Amino acid sequence: MKDIFDEIASLKREKNAVILAHYYQEPDIQDVADFVGDSLELSKKAAATGARIIVFAGVHFMAETAKILNPAKKVLLPDLKAGCSLADSCPPAPFALFKAKYPGAVVISYINCSAEIKALSDYICTSSNAEKIVRSISPDKTIIFAPDKNLGAYLVKKTGRPMALWQGSCIVHETFSEKKIVQLKTRYPDALVIAHPECEEPILKLADHIGSTSSLLKFTQQNPARQFIVVTEAGIIHQMKKASPGKEFFAGPPDDGAETAACGCNECPHMKRNTLEKLRDCLRDETPEIVLGEPLRIKALVPIERMLALS
């Protein structure tokens, strides 16, 4: 039987395909990908690729974003059921009613949302560029921020800019236990706590560094500390270990009564729906494919292009 890594490499060449993988994917998928990154980095790669086929090893909104940016390319997602709890927390119809309460407001939506929410937005942001985009909006404008209430609250505190926040959240970033992180810090007093701004405020107060997934990775490479408590989806630890093999990384413990994260509560169940076998099969069969209607795609493209111009 041909090795699956060889099969994928052969199919990529045969079909002129590129594999984009998020940091939260399983290690094998990260290792077989052409590019691994966070949402902003992968958006840029999707916009620039010359490949005929884009295989997006991530979740549905990420593959949708790639399709919005590449209408003429075939965009594949290994498992169409790989959704996102944060995107699901912001349905288009209720959000349109929420938006109508603030006539003239500027809508900034986190990239973790559906194409329909993007189409209702003025700007898209990622955790890498959200602060810059918020600061770029005229102070006389009301800002609506969706869908993540925790990232929104963090930005309000960071920028001093009041915003109307949609009350969405990520199931992974809301599961971390403040008590257990303190216990882990007691056990490893030299370890630095690094956290994603999707976490709740009590967790962020414990952090030595707050940032996007790429920012957390970069921090572990540049900081001389030898131990880190990583409070985001545990998939990023694979890249951290590769970049800094002499350092130790501890996954932030979830609030599940366990001493470790063995329950997998700090892993995104949607991200982990993708497997190496599903990736190979979707490349071979060129399905499942992301399909978007052109009117929706064009509306959703405008705020994404504004984000890329500011990034």
Protein backbone atom coordinates (compact mmCIF):
# COMPACT_ATOMS: atom_id res chain seq x y z
CA MET A 1 0.00 0.00 0.00
CA LYS A 2 1.37 3.36 -0.99
CA ASP A 3 2.29 5.59 1.93
CA ILE A 4 -0.43 8.19 2.50
CA PHE A 5 2.10 11.03 2.60
CA ASP A 6 3.39 9.95 -0.81
CA GLU A 7 -0.16 9.70 -2.12
CA ILE A 8 -0.93 13.25 -1.02
CA ALA A 9 2.31 14.59 -2.51
CA SER A 10 1.56 12.84 -5.81
CA LEU A 11 -2.03 14.12 -5.92
CA LYS A 12 -0.89 17.67 -5.22
CA ARG A 13 1.47 17.58 -8.20
CA GLU A 14 -1.06 15.89 -10.46
CA LYS A 15 -3.85 18.33 -9.68
CA ASN A 16 -1.85 21.55 -9.15
CA ALA A 17 -3.19 21.80 -5.62
CA VAL A 18 -2.04 23.63 -2.50
CA ILE A 19 -2.82 22.56 1.07
CA LEU A 20 -3.42 25.30 3.65
CA ALA A 21 -3.61 24.14 7.27
CA HIS A 22 -4.48 25.98 10.44
CA TYR A 23 -2.29 25.64 13.53
CA TYR A 24 -5.13 23.77 15.25
CA GLN A 25 -5.03 20.81 12.85
CA GLU A 26 -3.56 17.46 13.91
CA PRO A 27 0.27 17.25 13.61
CA ASP A 28 0.29 14.99 10.52
CA ILE A 29 -1.88 17.44 8.60
CA GLN A 30 0.32 20.36 9.63
CA ASP A 31 3.39 18.44 8.44
CA VAL A 32 1.91 17.61 5.03
CA ALA A 33 0.62 21.15 4.37
CA ASP A 34 2.27 23.65 2.04
CA PHE A 35 1.46 26.50 4.42
CA VAL A 36 0.57 26.43 8.12
CA GLY A 37 -0.68 29.58 9.81
CA ASP A 38 -3.38 31.50 11.60
CA SER A 39 -6.47 32.98 9.95
CA LEU A 40 -4.72 36.14 8.70
CA GLU A 41 -1.70 34.34 7.28
CA LEU A 42 -3.86 31.75 5.56
CA SER A 43 -6.16 34.44 4.14
CA LYS A 44 -3.14 36.09 2.56
CA LYS A 45 -1.89 32.76 1.17
CA ALA A 46 -5.35 32.02 -0.22
CA ALA A 47 -5.44 35.41 -1.94
CA ALA A 48 -2.01 34.93 -3.50
CA THR A 49 -1.92 31.28 -4.55
CA GLY A 50 -1.58 30.30 -8.18
CA ALA A 51 -2.77 26.74 -7.60
CA ARG A 52 -5.84 25.38 -9.38
CA ILE A 53 -7.17 23.70 -6.24
CA ILE A 54 -7.05 24.91 -2.63
CA VAL A 55 -7.49 22.25 0.05
CA PHE A 56 -8.25 24.05 3.27
CA ALA A 57 -7.46 21.90 6.30
CA GLY A 58 -9.37 23.95 8.80
CA VAL A 59 -13.03 24.71 9.40
CA HIS A 60 -15.87 25.80 7.15
CA PHE A 61 -15.57 29.59 7.54
CA MET A 62 -11.88 29.41 6.59
CA ALA A 63 -12.60 27.48 3.40
CA GLU A 64 -15.43 29.91 2.65
CA THR A 65 -13.00 32.81 3.00
CA ALA A 66 -10.62 31.14 0.55
CA LYS A 67 -13.50 30.73 -1.93
CA ILE A 68 -14.56 34.36 -1.49
CA LEU A 69 -11.02 35.38 -2.44
CA ASN A 70 -10.69 32.81 -5.25
CA PRO A 71 -13.96 32.49 -7.19
CA ALA A 72 -12.30 30.77 -10.16
CA LYS A 73 -10.48 28.16 -8.07
CA LYS A 74 -11.84 24.93 -6.65
CA VAL A 75 -11.80 25.11 -2.83
CA LEU A 76 -12.08 21.82 -0.93
CA LEU A 77 -12.67 21.09 2.75
CA PRO A 78 -11.81 17.56 3.93
CA ASP A 79 -14.95 17.35 6.09
CA LEU A 80 -17.91 19.67 5.42
CA LYS A 81 -19.09 19.11 9.00
CA ALA A 82 -15.97 20.86 10.31
CA GLY A 83 -17.83 23.91 11.54
CA CYS A 84 -17.13 26.48 14.25
CA SER A 85 -18.98 27.08 17.51
CA LEU A 86 -18.13 30.79 17.34
CA ALA A 87 -19.46 31.18 13.79
CA ASP A 88 -22.57 29.19 14.75
CA SER A 89 -23.19 31.56 17.68
CA CYS A 90 -23.97 34.39 15.25
CA PRO A 91 -26.88 33.49 12.92
CA PRO A 92 -27.47 36.03 10.11
CA ALA A 93 -31.13 36.91 10.79
CA PRO A 94 -30.75 37.77 14.51
CA PHE A 95 -27.52 39.61 13.75
CA ALA A 96 -29.24 41.72 11.07
CA LEU A 97 -31.82 42.75 13.70
CA PHE A 98 -29.01 43.56 16.16
CA LYS A 99 -27.28 45.67 13.50
CA ALA A 100 -30.51 47.58 12.79
CA LYS A 101 -30.51 48.85 16.40
CA TYR A 102 -27.40 50.91 15.60
CA PRO A 103 -28.09 52.82 12.36
CA GLY A 104 -24.90 54.14 10.77
CA ALA A 105 -22.64 51.94 12.91
CA VAL A 106 -19.48 50.42 11.49
CA VAL A 107 -19.59 46.62 11.72
CA ILE A 108 -16.28 44.87 12.42
CA SER A 109 -16.62 41.10 12.35
CA TYR A 110 -14.01 38.61 13.45
CA ILE A 111 -13.11 36.32 10.58
CA ASN A 112 -14.59 33.38 12.54
CA CYS A 113 -18.03 33.96 11.03
CA SER A 114 -20.11 32.81 8.08
CA ALA A 115 -20.09 34.37 4.62
CA GLU A 116 -23.55 35.80 5.40
CA ILE A 117 -22.19 37.66 8.45
CA LYS A 118 -19.22 38.88 6.41
CA ALA A 119 -21.69 40.26 3.86
CA LEU A 120 -23.37 42.26 6.67
CA SER A 121 -20.01 43.70 7.81
CA ASP A 122 -17.90 46.73 6.91
CA TYR A 123 -14.59 45.22 8.00
CA ILE A 124 -13.35 41.74 8.77
CA CYS A 125 -10.55 41.30 11.30
CA THR A 126 -8.45 38.55 12.82
CA SER A 127 -6.94 38.48 16.28
CA SER A 128 -3.67 39.60 14.62
CA ASN A 129 -5.05 42.85 13.23
CA ALA A 130 -8.24 43.53 15.21
CA GLU A 131 -6.74 46.31 17.35
CA LYS A 132 -5.35 48.10 14.27
CA ILE A 133 -8.70 47.94 12.50
CA VAL A 134 -10.64 49.18 15.54
CA ARG A 135 -8.22 52.11 15.91
CA SER A 136 -8.64 52.96 12.21
CA ILE A 137 -12.34 53.76 12.61
CA SER A 138 -13.26 57.42 13.09
CA PRO A 139 -13.99 58.17 16.78
CA ASP A 140 -17.37 59.67 15.91
CA LYS A 141 -18.59 56.32 14.61
CA THR A 142 -20.36 53.66 16.66
CA ILE A 143 -18.72 50.24 16.29
CA ILE A 144 -20.50 46.91 16.36
CA PHE A 145 -18.13 44.02 17.02
CA ALA A 146 -19.13 40.44 16.28
CA PRO A 147 -19.25 37.57 16.98
CA ASP A 148 -16.76 37.03 19.84
CA LYS A 149 -17.69 38.83 23.07
CA ASN A 150 -14.36 37.97 24.73
CA LEU A 151 -12.17 39.31 21.93
CA GLY A 152 -14.49 42.32 21.75
CA ALA A 153 -14.18 43.01 25.50
CA TYR A 154 -10.40 42.66 25.25
CA LEU A 155 -10.34 45.23 22.42
CA VAL A 156 -12.55 47.64 24.36
CA LYS A 157 -10.10 47.46 27.26
CA LYS A 158 -7.04 47.71 25.00
CA THR A 159 -8.24 50.61 22.86
CA GLY A 160 -10.59 52.41 25.24
CA ARG A 161 -13.14 52.36 22.43
CA PRO A 162 -16.70 51.44 23.47
CA MET A 163 -18.35 48.95 21.14
CA ALA A 164 -21.67 47.15 20.88
CA LEU A 165 -20.72 43.48 21.32
CA TRP A 166 -22.53 40.48 19.88
CA GLN A 167 -22.56 37.81 22.60
CA GLY A 168 -20.87 34.92 20.80
CA SER A 169 -18.01 32.76 22.02
CA CYS A 170 -15.73 29.81 21.26
CA ILE A 171 -16.39 26.57 23.16
CA VAL A 172 -12.66 25.82 23.45
CA HIS A 173 -11.53 29.21 24.71
CA GLU A 174 -14.34 29.37 27.26
CA THR A 175 -13.49 26.00 28.80
CA PHE A 176 -10.14 26.88 30.35
CA SER A 177 -10.04 26.79 34.16
CA GLU A 178 -8.60 29.78 36.01
CA LYS A 179 -8.08 27.62 39.11
CA LYS A 180 -6.24 24.89 37.23
CA ILE A 181 -3.99 27.34 35.41
CA VAL A 182 -3.02 28.83 38.78
CA GLN A 183 -2.30 25.31 40.04
CA LEU A 184 -0.18 24.58 36.97
CA LYS A 185 1.67 27.86 37.45
CA THR A 186 2.33 26.88 41.09
CA ARG A 187 3.76 23.56 39.91
CA TYR A 188 5.92 25.28 37.27
CA PRO A 189 6.65 28.75 38.72
CA ASP A 190 9.06 29.69 35.92
CA ALA A 191 6.52 28.95 33.19
CA LEU A 192 5.02 31.91 31.36
CA VAL A 193 1.29 31.93 30.66
CA ILE A 194 0.41 32.80 27.06
CA ALA A 195 -3.24 33.17 26.03
CA HIS A 196 -5.42 33.90 23.04
CA PRO A 197 -7.73 36.94 23.40
CA GLU A 198 -10.78 34.72 22.78
CA CYS A 199 -10.31 33.55 26.39
CA GLU A 200 -12.41 35.03 29.19
CA GLU A 201 -11.07 37.98 31.18
CA PRO A 202 -10.09 36.04 34.36
CA ILE A 203 -7.82 33.87 32.17
CA LEU A 204 -6.34 36.87 30.36
CA LYS A 205 -5.47 38.47 33.72
CA LEU A 206 -3.16 35.51 34.39
CA ALA A 207 -1.34 35.86 31.07
CA ASP A 208 2.22 37.09 30.58
CA HIS A 209 1.47 37.49 26.88
CA ILE A 210 -1.84 37.81 25.01
CA GLY A 211 -1.95 37.46 21.25
CA SER A 212 -3.07 35.70 18.10
CA THR A 213 -1.98 32.14 17.45
CA SER A 214 0.98 33.37 15.37
CA SER A 215 1.87 35.90 18.06
CA LEU A 216 1.92 33.17 20.71
CA LEU A 217 4.18 31.03 18.54
CA LYS A 218 6.56 33.91 17.88
CA PHE A 219 6.65 34.80 21.58
CA THR A 220 7.74 31.28 22.54
CA GLN A 221 10.54 31.44 19.97
CA GLN A 222 11.86 34.84 21.03
CA ASN A 223 11.37 34.75 24.79
CA PRO A 224 14.25 33.14 26.76
CA ALA A 225 11.84 31.34 29.11
CA ARG A 226 12.07 27.53 28.94
CA GLN A 227 8.50 26.67 29.98
CA PHE A 228 5.13 27.95 28.73
CA ILE A 229 1.52 27.32 29.70
CA VAL A 230 -0.36 27.58 26.42
CA VAL A 231 -3.95 28.75 26.78
CA THR A 232 -5.43 28.25 23.35
CA GLU A 233 -6.33 25.23 21.22
CA ALA A 234 -3.62 22.65 21.87
CA GLY A 235 -2.81 22.05 18.20
CA ILE A 236 -0.42 25.02 18.15
CA ILE A 237 1.92 23.19 20.54
CA HIS A 238 3.11 21.00 17.65
CA GLN A 239 4.60 24.04 15.90
CA MET A 240 5.97 25.41 19.18
CA LYS A 241 7.85 22.17 19.85
CA LYS A 242 9.22 22.11 16.31
CA ALA A 243 10.40 25.72 16.53
CA SER A 244 11.83 25.41 20.07
CA PRO A 245 12.71 21.74 20.73
CA GLY A 246 14.54 22.53 23.98
CA LYS A 247 11.51 24.13 25.63
CA GLU A 248 8.54 22.67 27.49
CA PHE A 249 4.90 23.44 26.69
CA PHE A 250 1.90 22.68 28.89
CA ALA A 251 -1.62 22.79 27.44
CA GLY A 252 -3.94 25.01 29.43
CA PRO A 253 -6.16 22.76 31.57
CA PRO A 254 -9.92 22.76 30.98
CA ASP A 255 -12.47 23.06 33.75
CA ASP A 256 -13.40 19.37 33.75
CA GLY A 257 -12.11 18.09 37.06
CA ALA A 258 -9.08 16.46 35.43
CA GLU A 259 -5.48 17.14 36.33
CA THR A 260 -4.51 17.23 32.67
CA ALA A 261 -6.10 18.08 29.35
CA ALA A 262 -6.46 14.38 28.55
CA CYS A 263 -10.19 14.80 28.01
CA GLY A 264 -9.43 16.78 24.84
CA CYS A 265 -11.58 19.70 26.05
CA ASN A 266 -8.82 22.10 24.99
CA GLU A 267 -9.01 20.75 21.44
CA CYS A 268 -11.54 21.99 18.90
CA PRO A 269 -13.77 19.04 17.95
CA HIS A 270 -14.55 20.71 14.62
CA MET A 271 -10.89 21.20 13.67
CA LYS A 272 -10.18 17.60 14.58
CA ARG A 273 -12.86 16.27 12.22
CA ASN A 274 -10.29 16.59 9.44
CA THR A 275 -7.94 13.62 9.13
CA LEU A 276 -5.07 12.72 6.83
CA GLU A 277 -7.27 10.12 5.14
CA LYS A 278 -10.07 12.63 4.52
CA LEU A 279 -7.53 15.10 3.16
CA ARG A 280 -6.21 12.51 0.72
CA ASP A 281 -9.71 11.49 -0.35
CA CYS A 282 -10.88 15.04 -0.98
CA LEU A 283 -7.80 15.70 -3.11
CA ARG A 284 -8.35 12.50 -5.07
CA ASP A 285 -12.10 13.01 -5.58
CA GLU A 286 -12.06 16.84 -5.64
CA THR A 287 -14.93 16.90 -3.18
CA PRO A 288 -16.43 18.15 -0.87
CA GLU A 289 -16.26 21.53 -2.59
CA ILE A 290 -17.17 24.94 -1.17
CA VAL A 291 -19.77 26.61 -3.39
CA LEU A 292 -21.00 30.20 -2.91
CA GLY A 293 -23.52 32.24 -4.85
CA GLU A 294 -21.86 35.16 -6.63
CA PRO A 295 -23.98 37.97 -5.07
CA LEU A 296 -23.12 36.72 -1.56
CA ARG A 297 -19.46 36.24 -2.47
CA ILE A 298 -19.14 39.80 -3.80
CA LYS A 299 -20.77 41.31 -0.69
CA ALA A 300 -18.54 39.23 1.61
CA LEU A 301 -15.43 40.12 -0.39
CA VAL A 302 -15.64 43.87 0.30
CA PRO A 303 -14.90 43.77 4.08
CA ILE A 304 -12.21 41.11 3.58
CA GLU A 305 -10.42 43.29 1.03
CA ARG A 306 -10.61 46.23 3.44
CA MET A 307 -8.96 44.05 6.08
CA LEU A 308 -6.20 42.92 3.72
CA ALA A 309 -5.54 46.51 2.65
CA LEU A 310 -5.05 47.49 6.30
CA SER A 311 -2.88 44.45 7.04
